[in-house]
Amino acid sequence: MHWFAHDDFFAEVKRVAKSGASVVAWGYTSPAFTDPQIQAVWSRCYIDYLQPYFEPGRRYVEDSYASIPFPFSSVQTRVFRQNYSWELARFLAYVSTFSAVKRSRAELFKDSVECDMKPRFLSLVTSLNDKVTLTFDVTALQGVVNPL
């Protein structure tokens, strides 16, 4: 399910799914870091440089689909935690793929990851090769299409 066009997704599921079929949607939240200083920098960067440029539907991902209008019965939600140890360079490359980064680049004519975020993170580590430990909460939302 894409949080940009969930109404279109739901309509297509209703069109193609048989009555009683399961539908499962999943998504993951913004990462959380085990190091409180790294987490504080990430939280500030997320609020300052990313949040203003996300589409409004991003809120559904951030609240683990708790508020998405899910039109299927027997809704069940599960959250799974995925832990990773990434080099800081890999994390920043991942952030660079965010739609919000692309939108901010187009609007501000600068790369907020390179110009703003990277220096803040580098103030806490020795190099881009340093490992950071992060966790993603993955939410699986299940429902039944037109239950029998």
C-alpha atoms as a PDB file:
ATOM      1  CA  MET A   1       0.000   0.000   0.000  1.00  0.00           C
ATOM      2  CA  HIS A   2       1.439   3.326  -0.919  1.00  0.00           C
ATOM      3  CA  TRP A   3       0.644   6.038   1.566  1.00  0.00           C
ATOM      4  CA  PHE A   4       0.470   8.637  -1.202  1.00  0.00           C
ATOM      5  CA  ALA A   5      -2.533   7.023  -2.877  1.00  0.00           C
ATOM      6  CA  HIS A   6      -4.121   4.699  -0.361  1.00  0.00           C
ATOM      7  CA  ASP A   7      -7.671   5.389  -1.600  1.00  0.00           C
ATOM      8  CA  ASP A   8      -6.690   4.198  -5.095  1.00  0.00           C
ATOM      9  CA  PHE A   9      -4.987   1.160  -3.587  1.00  0.00           C
ATOM     10  CA  PHE A  10      -8.048   0.245  -1.531  1.00  0.00           C
ATOM     11  CA  ALA A  11     -10.334   0.622  -4.542  1.00  0.00           C
ATOM     12  CA  GLU A  12      -8.106  -1.678  -6.597  1.00  0.00           C
ATOM     13  CA  VAL A  13      -8.020  -4.290  -3.820  1.00  0.00           C
ATOM     14  CA  LYS A  14     -11.820  -4.247  -3.660  1.00  0.00           C
ATOM     15  CA  ARG A  15     -11.988  -4.587  -7.444  1.00  0.00           C
ATOM     16  CA  VAL A  16      -9.636  -7.565  -7.825  1.00  0.00           C
ATOM     17  CA  ALA A  17      -9.896  -9.473  -4.534  1.00  0.00           C
ATOM     18  CA  LYS A  18     -12.377 -12.243  -3.934  1.00  0.00           C
ATOM     19  CA  SER A  19     -14.710 -11.954  -0.993  1.00  0.00           C
ATOM     20  CA  GLY A  20     -12.937 -13.239   2.098  1.00  0.00           C
ATOM     21  CA  ALA A  21      -9.440 -12.540   0.755  1.00  0.00           C
ATOM     22  CA  SER A  22      -6.812 -11.246   3.145  1.00  0.00           C
ATOM     23  CA  VAL A  23      -5.143  -7.950   2.489  1.00  0.00           C
ATOM     24  CA  VAL A  24      -1.922  -7.087   4.278  1.00  0.00           C
ATOM     25  CA  ALA A  25      -0.203  -3.744   4.100  1.00  0.00           C
ATOM     26  CA  TRP A  26       3.146  -3.012   5.674  1.00  0.00           C
ATOM     27  CA  GLY A  27       5.311  -0.013   6.272  1.00  0.00           C
ATOM     28  CA  TYR A  28       8.133   1.105   8.486  1.00  0.00           C
ATOM     29  CA  THR A  29       8.662   4.145  10.637  1.00  0.00           C
ATOM     30  CA  SER A  30      11.556   6.527  10.750  1.00  0.00           C
ATOM     31  CA  PRO A  31      14.560   4.794  12.327  1.00  0.00           C
ATOM     32  CA  ALA A  32      15.451   5.075  15.985  1.00  0.00           C
ATOM     33  CA  PHE A  33      19.080   5.037  17.101  1.00  0.00           C
ATOM     34  CA  THR A  34      20.429   3.307  20.194  1.00  0.00           C
ATOM     35  CA  ASP A  35      22.869   6.146  20.869  1.00  0.00           C
ATOM     36  CA  PRO A  36      20.890   9.017  22.478  1.00  0.00           C
ATOM     37  CA  GLN A  37      23.151  11.705  20.993  1.00  0.00           C
ATOM     38  CA  ILE A  38      22.788  10.301  17.477  1.00  0.00           C
ATOM     39  CA  GLN A  39      19.035  10.000  18.058  1.00  0.00           C
ATOM     40  CA  ALA A  40      18.839  13.630  19.160  1.00  0.00           C
ATOM     41  CA  VAL A  41      20.643  14.764  15.989  1.00  0.00           C
ATOM     42  CA  TRP A  42      18.418  12.574  13.819  1.00  0.00           C
ATOM     43  CA  SER A  43      15.237  13.854  15.485  1.00  0.00           C
ATOM     44  CA  ARG A  44      16.292  17.455  14.977  1.00  0.00           C
ATOM     45  CA  CYS A  45      17.308  16.841  11.345  1.00  0.00           C
ATOM     46  CA  TYR A  46      14.078  14.987  10.656  1.00  0.00           C
ATOM     47  CA  ILE A  47      11.971  17.846  12.022  1.00  0.00           C
ATOM     48  CA  ASP A  48      14.026  20.644  10.473  1.00  0.00           C
ATOM     49  CA  TYR A  49      14.988  19.256   7.068  1.00  0.00           C
ATOM     50  CA  LEU A  50      12.582  16.453   6.175  1.00  0.00           C
ATOM     51  CA  GLN A  51       9.190  16.824   7.821  1.00  0.00           C
ATOM     52  CA  PRO A  52       8.240  20.058   6.019  1.00  0.00           C
ATOM     53  CA  TYR A  53       8.775  18.337   2.649  1.00  0.00           C
ATOM     54  CA  PHE A  54       6.970  15.033   3.162  1.00  0.00           C
ATOM     55  CA  GLU A  55       3.549  14.520   1.615  1.00  0.00           C
ATOM     56  CA  PRO A  56       0.718  14.730   4.188  1.00  0.00           C
ATOM     57  CA  GLY A  57       0.150  10.960   3.977  1.00  0.00           C
ATOM     58  CA  ARG A  58       3.515  10.378   5.639  1.00  0.00           C
ATOM     59  CA  ARG A  59       1.709  10.702   8.989  1.00  0.00           C
ATOM     60  CA  TYR A  60       0.151   7.275   8.394  1.00  0.00           C
ATOM     61  CA  VAL A  61       3.591   5.696   8.226  1.00  0.00           C
ATOM     62  CA  GLU A  62       4.834   7.571  11.269  1.00  0.00           C
ATOM     63  CA  ASP A  63       1.887   6.475  13.414  1.00  0.00           C
ATOM     64  CA  SER A  64       2.234   2.847  12.224  1.00  0.00           C
ATOM     65  CA  TYR A  65      -1.035   3.069  10.264  1.00  0.00           C
ATOM     66  CA  ALA A  66      -3.029   3.700  13.463  1.00  0.00           C
ATOM     67  CA  SER A  67      -4.970   6.547  11.818  1.00  0.00           C
ATOM     68  CA  ILE A  68      -5.235   5.352   8.209  1.00  0.00           C
ATOM     69  CA  PRO A  69      -8.836   4.789   7.089  1.00  0.00           C
ATOM     70  CA  PHE A  70      -8.494   1.033   6.467  1.00  0.00           C
ATOM     71  CA  PRO A  71     -11.782  -0.119   4.858  1.00  0.00           C
ATOM     72  CA  PHE A  72     -11.474  -3.845   5.554  1.00  0.00           C
ATOM     73  CA  SER A  73     -12.897  -5.844   8.454  1.00  0.00           C
ATOM     74  CA  SER A  74     -11.076  -7.963  11.032  1.00  0.00           C
ATOM     75  CA  VAL A  75      -8.207  -5.512  11.175  1.00  0.00           C
ATOM     76  CA  GLN A  76      -5.168  -6.905  12.907  1.00  0.00           C
ATOM     77  CA  THR A  77      -1.902  -5.054  13.418  1.00  0.00           C
ATOM     78  CA  ARG A  78       1.519  -6.462  14.230  1.00  0.00           C
ATOM     79  CA  VAL A  79       4.746  -4.575  14.773  1.00  0.00           C
ATOM     80  CA  PHE A  80       8.101  -6.184  14.116  1.00  0.00           C
ATOM     81  CA  ARG A  81      11.405  -4.617  15.068  1.00  0.00           C
ATOM     82  CA  GLN A  82      14.325  -4.716  12.625  1.00  0.00           C
ATOM     83  CA  ASN A  83      17.774  -3.850  14.004  1.00  0.00           C
ATOM     84  CA  TYR A  84      20.680  -2.790  11.822  1.00  0.00           C
ATOM     85  CA  SER A  85      24.273  -1.684  12.157  1.00  0.00           C
ATOM     86  CA  TRP A  86      25.102   0.609   9.258  1.00  0.00           C
ATOM     87  CA  GLU A  87      28.019   2.837   8.434  1.00  0.00           C
ATOM     88  CA  LEU A  88      26.974   6.465   8.746  1.00  0.00           C
ATOM     89  CA  ALA A  89      27.620   6.874   5.006  1.00  0.00           C
ATOM     90  CA  ARG A  90      25.068   4.149   4.246  1.00  0.00           C
ATOM     91  CA  PHE A  91      22.488   5.763   6.493  1.00  0.00           C
ATOM     92  CA  LEU A  92      22.943   9.166   4.843  1.00  0.00           C
ATOM     93  CA  ALA A  93      22.707   7.528   1.401  1.00  0.00           C
ATOM     94  CA  TYR A  94      19.443   5.917   2.521  1.00  0.00           C
ATOM     95  CA  VAL A  95      18.082   9.277   3.734  1.00  0.00           C
ATOM     96  CA  SER A  96      19.038  10.792   0.378  1.00  0.00           C
ATOM     97  CA  THR A  97      16.448   8.540  -1.279  1.00  0.00           C
ATOM     98  CA  PHE A  98      13.546  10.080   0.698  1.00  0.00           C
ATOM     99  CA  SER A  99      10.934  11.927  -1.324  1.00  0.00           C
ATOM    100  CA  ALA A 100      11.225  14.793   1.168  1.00  0.00           C
ATOM    101  CA  VAL A 101      14.918  15.217   0.339  1.00  0.00           C
ATOM    102  CA  LYS A 102      14.143  15.339  -3.356  1.00  0.00           C
ATOM    103  CA  ARG A 103      11.366  17.896  -2.797  1.00  0.00           C
ATOM    104  CA  SER A 104      13.575  20.080  -0.580  1.00  0.00           C
ATOM    105  CA  ARG A 105      16.397  19.973  -3.167  1.00  0.00           C
ATOM    106  CA  ALA A 106      14.006  21.173  -5.847  1.00  0.00           C
ATOM    107  CA  GLU A 107      12.657  23.956  -3.664  1.00  0.00           C
ATOM    108  CA  LEU A 108      15.815  25.111  -1.853  1.00  0.00           C
ATOM    109  CA  PHE A 109      18.421  24.337  -4.548  1.00  0.00           C
ATOM    110  CA  LYS A 110      20.641  22.627  -1.985  1.00  0.00           C
ATOM    111  CA  ASP A 111      21.246  19.151  -0.638  1.00  0.00           C
ATOM    112  CA  SER A 112      20.130  19.208   2.996  1.00  0.00           C
ATOM    113  CA  VAL A 113      21.674  15.785   3.649  1.00  0.00           C
ATOM    114  CA  GLU A 114      25.119  16.901   2.515  1.00  0.00           C
ATOM    115  CA  CYS A 115      24.992  20.510   3.721  1.00  0.00           C
ATOM    116  CA  ASP A 116      23.005  20.239   6.954  1.00  0.00           C
ATOM    117  CA  MET A 117      22.661  16.682   8.234  1.00  0.00           C
ATOM    118  CA  LYS A 118      26.077  15.216   7.490  1.00  0.00           C
ATOM    119  CA  PRO A 119      28.004  17.886   9.479  1.00  0.00           C
ATOM    120  CA  ARG A 120      25.731  17.372  12.500  1.00  0.00           C
ATOM    121  CA  PHE A 121      26.295  13.619  12.494  1.00  0.00           C
ATOM    122  CA  LEU A 122      30.032  14.019  11.906  1.00  0.00           C
ATOM    123  CA  SER A 123      30.248  16.154  15.031  1.00  0.00           C
ATOM    124  CA  LEU A 124      29.458  12.950  16.988  1.00  0.00           C
ATOM    125  CA  VAL A 125      31.526  10.330  15.153  1.00  0.00           C
ATOM    126  CA  THR A 126      35.024  10.193  13.743  1.00  0.00           C
ATOM    127  CA  SER A 127      34.180   9.304  10.136  1.00  0.00           C
ATOM    128  CA  LEU A 128      31.482   8.314   7.694  1.00  0.00           C
ATOM    129  CA  ASN A 129      32.721   4.733   8.116  1.00  0.00           C
ATOM    130  CA  ASP A 130      31.690   4.620  11.777  1.00  0.00           C
ATOM    131  CA  LYS A 131      28.852   2.228  12.528  1.00  0.00           C
ATOM    132  CA  VAL A 132      25.531   3.445  13.903  1.00  0.00           C
ATOM    133  CA  THR A 133      22.939   1.081  15.353  1.00  0.00           C
ATOM    134  CA  LEU A 134      19.376   1.766  14.313  1.00  0.00           C
ATOM    135  CA  THR A 135      15.974   0.141  14.552  1.00  0.00           C
ATOM    136  CA  PHE A 136      12.978   0.258  12.250  1.00  0.00           C
ATOM    137  CA  ASP A 137       9.530  -0.684  13.507  1.00  0.00           C
ATOM    138  CA  VAL A 138       7.786  -2.541  10.690  1.00  0.00           C
ATOM    139  CA  THR A 139       3.996  -2.556  10.902  1.00  0.00           C
ATOM    140  CA  ALA A 140       1.867  -5.204   9.216  1.00  0.00           C
ATOM    141  CA  LEU A 141      -1.803  -4.302   8.948  1.00  0.00           C
ATOM    142  CA  GLN A 142      -4.167  -7.145   7.999  1.00  0.00           C
ATOM    143  CA  GLY A 143      -7.807  -7.116   7.043  1.00  0.00           C
ATOM    144  CA  VAL A 144     -10.406  -9.199   5.220  1.00  0.00           C
ATOM    145  CA  VAL A 145     -11.984  -8.012   1.974  1.00  0.00           C
ATOM    146  CA  ASN A 146     -15.790  -8.298   1.995  1.00  0.00           C
ATOM    147  CA  PRO A 147     -15.907 -11.089   4.573  1.00  0.00           C
ATOM    148  CA  LEU A 148     -18.149 -14.039   3.739  1.00  0.00           C
END
